[in-house]
Amino acid sequence: MKSISIVFLQAATVLIGIVALAILIWFPLVEGRATNLDVFSIYVDPFILYGYAASIAFFVALYNAHKLLGCIRQNKVFSSNAVKRLKNIKICAIVLSIAIVGAGLFVKLSHHQDDDPAGFLAMCIVTTFVSIVVATAAAIFEKVLQNAVDMKSENDLTI
């Protein structure tokens, strides 16, 4: 039963990745500034390219979450590999929150007077908060898991 739920969570991470990639490809085509642009001009927009660069941290964190679930499924949760995966998730969440804050500041400082960036800035605030929560949770789990791995290695040495 436990293995089925972990496989389900791994499938969910893959599905989240596919949906996020589809949104990254589809959204620039329907975004407001793209109405009069050709396809090449849409995808070389600096802000779109910044979004793609920032999404790398999201996909790396998703990959590490998928691999961490694999460690759990193989009963290798108390390993240095699992600690490394949590550390990578923490770093990716921090990088992603910094990138989101950067995008929010860019839009706030450079938006046109006729535009209202309140919706975008609200989304920036919420996603930054979520990224910080993920980074904090990963840091706590990393510390707890590292302590457990250290205790396990000490017990293995004394036996």
C-alpha atoms as a PDB file:
ATOM      1  CA  MET A   1       0.000   0.000   0.000  1.00  0.00           C
ATOM      2  CA  LYS A   2       2.816   2.378   0.881  1.00  0.00           C
ATOM      3  CA  SER A   3       4.549   1.770  -2.429  1.00  0.00           C
ATOM      4  CA  ILE A   4       1.376   2.541  -4.379  1.00  0.00           C
ATOM      5  CA  SER A   5       1.006   5.935  -2.727  1.00  0.00           C
ATOM      6  CA  ILE A   6       4.646   6.776  -3.413  1.00  0.00           C
ATOM      7  CA  VAL A   7       4.286   5.738  -7.058  1.00  0.00           C
ATOM      8  CA  PHE A   8       1.192   7.951  -7.192  1.00  0.00           C
ATOM      9  CA  LEU A   9       3.195  10.878  -5.799  1.00  0.00           C
ATOM     10  CA  GLN A  10       5.966  10.248  -8.324  1.00  0.00           C
ATOM     11  CA  ALA A  11       3.394  10.220 -11.109  1.00  0.00           C
ATOM     12  CA  ALA A  12       2.000  13.476  -9.720  1.00  0.00           C
ATOM     13  CA  THR A  13       5.454  15.086  -9.880  1.00  0.00           C
ATOM     14  CA  VAL A  14       5.787  14.015 -13.508  1.00  0.00           C
ATOM     15  CA  LEU A  15       2.309  15.357 -14.275  1.00  0.00           C
ATOM     16  CA  ILE A  16       3.104  18.664 -12.558  1.00  0.00           C
ATOM     17  CA  GLY A  17       6.244  18.939 -14.649  1.00  0.00           C
ATOM     18  CA  ILE A  18       4.368  18.260 -17.893  1.00  0.00           C
ATOM     19  CA  VAL A  19       1.636  20.762 -17.049  1.00  0.00           C
ATOM     20  CA  ALA A  20       4.198  23.416 -16.050  1.00  0.00           C
ATOM     21  CA  LEU A  21       6.101  22.878 -19.295  1.00  0.00           C
ATOM     22  CA  ALA A  22       2.884  23.108 -21.328  1.00  0.00           C
ATOM     23  CA  ILE A  23       1.988  26.365 -19.570  1.00  0.00           C
ATOM     24  CA  LEU A  24       5.462  27.760 -20.236  1.00  0.00           C
ATOM     25  CA  ILE A  25       5.067  27.003 -23.942  1.00  0.00           C
ATOM     26  CA  TRP A  26       1.399  28.018 -24.314  1.00  0.00           C
ATOM     27  CA  PHE A  27       1.107  31.112 -22.089  1.00  0.00           C
ATOM     28  CA  PRO A  28       3.370  33.471 -24.080  1.00  0.00           C
ATOM     29  CA  LEU A  29       1.183  32.894 -27.147  1.00  0.00           C
ATOM     30  CA  VAL A  30      -1.962  34.205 -25.438  1.00  0.00           C
ATOM     31  CA  GLU A  31      -0.374  36.841 -23.222  1.00  0.00           C
ATOM     32  CA  GLY A  32      -1.449  40.419 -23.935  1.00  0.00           C
ATOM     33  CA  ARG A  33       1.762  41.740 -25.474  1.00  0.00           C
ATOM     34  CA  ALA A  34       1.923  38.870 -27.969  1.00  0.00           C
ATOM     35  CA  THR A  35      -1.200  39.781 -29.950  1.00  0.00           C
ATOM     36  CA  ASN A  36       0.689  41.483 -32.791  1.00  0.00           C
ATOM     37  CA  LEU A  37       3.942  39.529 -32.686  1.00  0.00           C
ATOM     38  CA  ASP A  38       5.181  36.580 -34.710  1.00  0.00           C
ATOM     39  CA  VAL A  39       6.164  33.363 -32.932  1.00  0.00           C
ATOM     40  CA  PHE A  40       9.904  34.098 -32.985  1.00  0.00           C
ATOM     41  CA  SER A  41       9.442  37.561 -31.467  1.00  0.00           C
ATOM     42  CA  ILE A  42       7.282  36.150 -28.693  1.00  0.00           C
ATOM     43  CA  TYR A  43       9.875  33.656 -27.504  1.00  0.00           C
ATOM     44  CA  VAL A  44      12.865  36.032 -27.639  1.00  0.00           C
ATOM     45  CA  ASP A  45      11.195  38.579 -25.363  1.00  0.00           C
ATOM     46  CA  PRO A  46      13.615  39.209 -22.457  1.00  0.00           C
ATOM     47  CA  PHE A  47      10.918  38.796 -19.811  1.00  0.00           C
ATOM     48  CA  ILE A  48       9.778  35.463 -21.312  1.00  0.00           C
ATOM     49  CA  LEU A  49      13.401  34.287 -21.441  1.00  0.00           C
ATOM     50  CA  TYR A  50      13.810  35.362 -17.800  1.00  0.00           C
ATOM     51  CA  GLY A  51      10.745  33.281 -16.922  1.00  0.00           C
ATOM     52  CA  TYR A  52      12.237  30.270 -18.689  1.00  0.00           C
ATOM     53  CA  ALA A  53      15.563  30.730 -16.899  1.00  0.00           C
ATOM     54  CA  ALA A  54      13.819  31.058 -13.533  1.00  0.00           C
ATOM     55  CA  SER A  55      11.750  27.938 -14.223  1.00  0.00           C
ATOM     56  CA  ILE A  56      14.927  25.851 -14.347  1.00  0.00           C
ATOM     57  CA  ALA A  57      15.076  25.990 -10.543  1.00  0.00           C
ATOM     58  CA  PHE A  58      11.463  24.760 -10.378  1.00  0.00           C
ATOM     59  CA  PHE A  59      12.156  21.801 -12.651  1.00  0.00           C
ATOM     60  CA  VAL A  60      15.362  20.885 -10.807  1.00  0.00           C
ATOM     61  CA  ALA A  61      13.456  20.927  -7.504  1.00  0.00           C
ATOM     62  CA  LEU A  62      10.701  18.809  -9.033  1.00  0.00           C
ATOM     63  CA  TYR A  63      13.286  16.317 -10.304  1.00  0.00           C
ATOM     64  CA  ASN A  64      14.878  16.144  -6.852  1.00  0.00           C
ATOM     65  CA  ALA A  65      11.466  15.611  -5.245  1.00  0.00           C
ATOM     66  CA  HIS A  66      10.834  12.767  -7.700  1.00  0.00           C
ATOM     67  CA  LYS A  67      14.204  11.200  -6.841  1.00  0.00           C
ATOM     68  CA  LEU A  68      13.585  11.690  -3.100  1.00  0.00           C
ATOM     69  CA  LEU A  69      10.325   9.791  -3.456  1.00  0.00           C
ATOM     70  CA  GLY A  70      12.316   7.069  -5.207  1.00  0.00           C
ATOM     71  CA  CYS A  71      14.630   6.868  -2.190  1.00  0.00           C
ATOM     72  CA  ILE A  72      11.620   6.591   0.086  1.00  0.00           C
ATOM     73  CA  ARG A  73      10.095   3.858  -2.077  1.00  0.00           C
ATOM     74  CA  GLN A  74      13.351   1.857  -1.888  1.00  0.00           C
ATOM     75  CA  ASN A  75      13.496   2.295   1.923  1.00  0.00           C
ATOM     76  CA  LYS A  76      16.657   4.405   1.611  1.00  0.00           C
ATOM     77  CA  VAL A  77      15.227   7.479   3.287  1.00  0.00           C
ATOM     78  CA  PHE A  78      17.993   7.521   5.903  1.00  0.00           C
ATOM     79  CA  SER A  79      20.800   7.981   3.413  1.00  0.00           C
ATOM     80  CA  SER A  80      23.092  10.788   2.418  1.00  0.00           C
ATOM     81  CA  ASN A  81      21.439  10.757  -1.019  1.00  0.00           C
ATOM     82  CA  ALA A  82      18.086  11.701   0.521  1.00  0.00           C
ATOM     83  CA  VAL A  83      19.745  14.503   2.513  1.00  0.00           C
ATOM     84  CA  LYS A  84      21.391  15.750  -0.684  1.00  0.00           C
ATOM     85  CA  ARG A  85      18.027  15.765  -2.466  1.00  0.00           C
ATOM     86  CA  LEU A  86      16.455  17.830   0.315  1.00  0.00           C
ATOM     87  CA  LYS A  87      19.373  20.267   0.249  1.00  0.00           C
ATOM     88  CA  ASN A  88      18.957  20.673  -3.520  1.00  0.00           C
ATOM     89  CA  ILE A  89      15.216  21.296  -3.099  1.00  0.00           C
ATOM     90  CA  LYS A  90      15.981  23.947  -0.465  1.00  0.00           C
ATOM     91  CA  ILE A  91      18.517  25.696  -2.706  1.00  0.00           C
ATOM     92  CA  CYS A  92      16.153  25.596  -5.702  1.00  0.00           C
ATOM     93  CA  ALA A  93      13.319  27.078  -3.636  1.00  0.00           C
ATOM     94  CA  ILE A  94      15.562  29.907  -2.472  1.00  0.00           C
ATOM     95  CA  VAL A  95      16.767  30.604  -6.020  1.00  0.00           C
ATOM     96  CA  LEU A  96      13.191  30.523  -7.291  1.00  0.00           C
ATOM     97  CA  SER A  97      11.994  32.965  -4.624  1.00  0.00           C
ATOM     98  CA  ILE A  98      14.839  35.356  -5.466  1.00  0.00           C
ATOM     99  CA  ALA A  99      13.998  35.104  -9.175  1.00  0.00           C
ATOM    100  CA  ILE A 100      10.319  35.803  -8.493  1.00  0.00           C
ATOM    101  CA  VAL A 101      11.154  38.831  -6.354  1.00  0.00           C
ATOM    102  CA  GLY A 102      13.429  40.045  -9.144  1.00  0.00           C
ATOM    103  CA  ALA A 103      10.639  39.713 -11.689  1.00  0.00           C
ATOM    104  CA  GLY A 104       8.230  41.534  -9.402  1.00  0.00           C
ATOM    105  CA  LEU A 105      10.662  44.377  -8.867  1.00  0.00           C
ATOM    106  CA  PHE A 106      11.319  44.626 -12.601  1.00  0.00           C
ATOM    107  CA  VAL A 107       7.606  44.851 -13.377  1.00  0.00           C
ATOM    108  CA  LYS A 108       6.986  47.310 -10.538  1.00  0.00           C
ATOM    109  CA  LEU A 109       9.773  49.634 -11.655  1.00  0.00           C
ATOM    110  CA  SER A 110       9.298  49.421 -15.414  1.00  0.00           C
ATOM    111  CA  HIS A 111       5.568  49.005 -16.025  1.00  0.00           C
ATOM    112  CA  HIS A 112       3.752  51.392 -18.343  1.00  0.00           C
ATOM    113  CA  GLN A 113       1.584  54.034 -16.657  1.00  0.00           C
ATOM    114  CA  ASP A 114      -1.552  52.597 -18.311  1.00  0.00           C
ATOM    115  CA  ASP A 115      -0.838  49.109 -16.949  1.00  0.00           C
ATOM    116  CA  ASP A 116      -1.885  47.921 -13.522  1.00  0.00           C
ATOM    117  CA  PRO A 117       0.695  45.433 -12.189  1.00  0.00           C
ATOM    118  CA  ALA A 118      -1.264  44.652  -9.008  1.00  0.00           C
ATOM    119  CA  GLY A 119      -2.344  41.176 -10.136  1.00  0.00           C
ATOM    120  CA  PHE A 120       1.149  40.185 -11.211  1.00  0.00           C
ATOM    121  CA  LEU A 121       2.651  41.568  -8.020  1.00  0.00           C
ATOM    122  CA  ALA A 122       0.087  39.678  -5.932  1.00  0.00           C
ATOM    123  CA  MET A 123       1.035  36.470  -7.737  1.00  0.00           C
ATOM    124  CA  CYS A 124       4.709  37.279  -7.069  1.00  0.00           C
ATOM    125  CA  ILE A 125       4.025  37.723  -3.371  1.00  0.00           C
ATOM    126  CA  VAL A 126       2.071  34.468  -3.090  1.00  0.00           C
ATOM    127  CA  THR A 127       4.559  32.381  -5.068  1.00  0.00           C
ATOM    128  CA  THR A 128       7.491  33.877  -3.175  1.00  0.00           C
ATOM    129  CA  PHE A 129       5.771  32.989   0.093  1.00  0.00           C
ATOM    130  CA  VAL A 130       5.165  29.430  -1.144  1.00  0.00           C
ATOM    131  CA  SER A 131       8.807  29.105  -2.218  1.00  0.00           C
ATOM    132  CA  ILE A 132       9.997  30.321   1.171  1.00  0.00           C
ATOM    133  CA  VAL A 133       7.708  27.837   2.933  1.00  0.00           C
ATOM    134  CA  VAL A 134       9.056  25.006   0.754  1.00  0.00           C
ATOM    135  CA  ALA A 135      12.643  26.091   1.448  1.00  0.00           C
ATOM    136  CA  THR A 136      11.971  26.239   5.189  1.00  0.00           C
ATOM    137  CA  ALA A 137      10.279  22.825   5.239  1.00  0.00           C
ATOM    138  CA  ALA A 138      13.098  21.302   3.186  1.00  0.00           C
ATOM    139  CA  ALA A 139      15.687  22.825   5.546  1.00  0.00           C
ATOM    140  CA  ILE A 140      13.924  21.400   8.592  1.00  0.00           C
ATOM    141  CA  PHE A 141      13.543  17.956   7.013  1.00  0.00           C
ATOM    142  CA  GLU A 142      17.161  18.092   5.855  1.00  0.00           C
ATOM    143  CA  LYS A 143      18.385  18.833   9.372  1.00  0.00           C
ATOM    144  CA  VAL A 144      16.236  16.103  10.942  1.00  0.00           C
ATOM    145  CA  LEU A 145      17.236  13.583   8.300  1.00  0.00           C
ATOM    146  CA  GLN A 146      20.922  14.516   8.600  1.00  0.00           C
ATOM    147  CA  ASN A 147      20.734  13.941  12.357  1.00  0.00           C
ATOM    148  CA  ALA A 148      19.104  10.558  11.756  1.00  0.00           C
ATOM    149  CA  VAL A 149      21.762   9.610   9.190  1.00  0.00           C
ATOM    150  CA  ASP A 150      24.509  10.664  11.625  1.00  0.00           C
ATOM    151  CA  MET A 151      22.951   8.604  14.429  1.00  0.00           C
ATOM    152  CA  LYS A 152      22.598   5.627  12.086  1.00  0.00           C
ATOM    153  CA  SER A 153      26.233   5.857  11.030  1.00  0.00           C
ATOM    154  CA  GLU A 154      27.339   6.119  14.671  1.00  0.00           C
ATOM    155  CA  ASN A 155      25.302   3.029  15.543  1.00  0.00           C
ATOM    156  CA  ASP A 156      26.764   1.159  12.583  1.00  0.00           C
ATOM    157  CA  LEU A 157      30.289   1.996  13.790  1.00  0.00           C
ATOM    158  CA  THR A 158      29.660   0.837  17.361  1.00  0.00           C
ATOM    159  CA  ILE A 159      28.159  -2.505  16.340  1.00  0.00           C
END
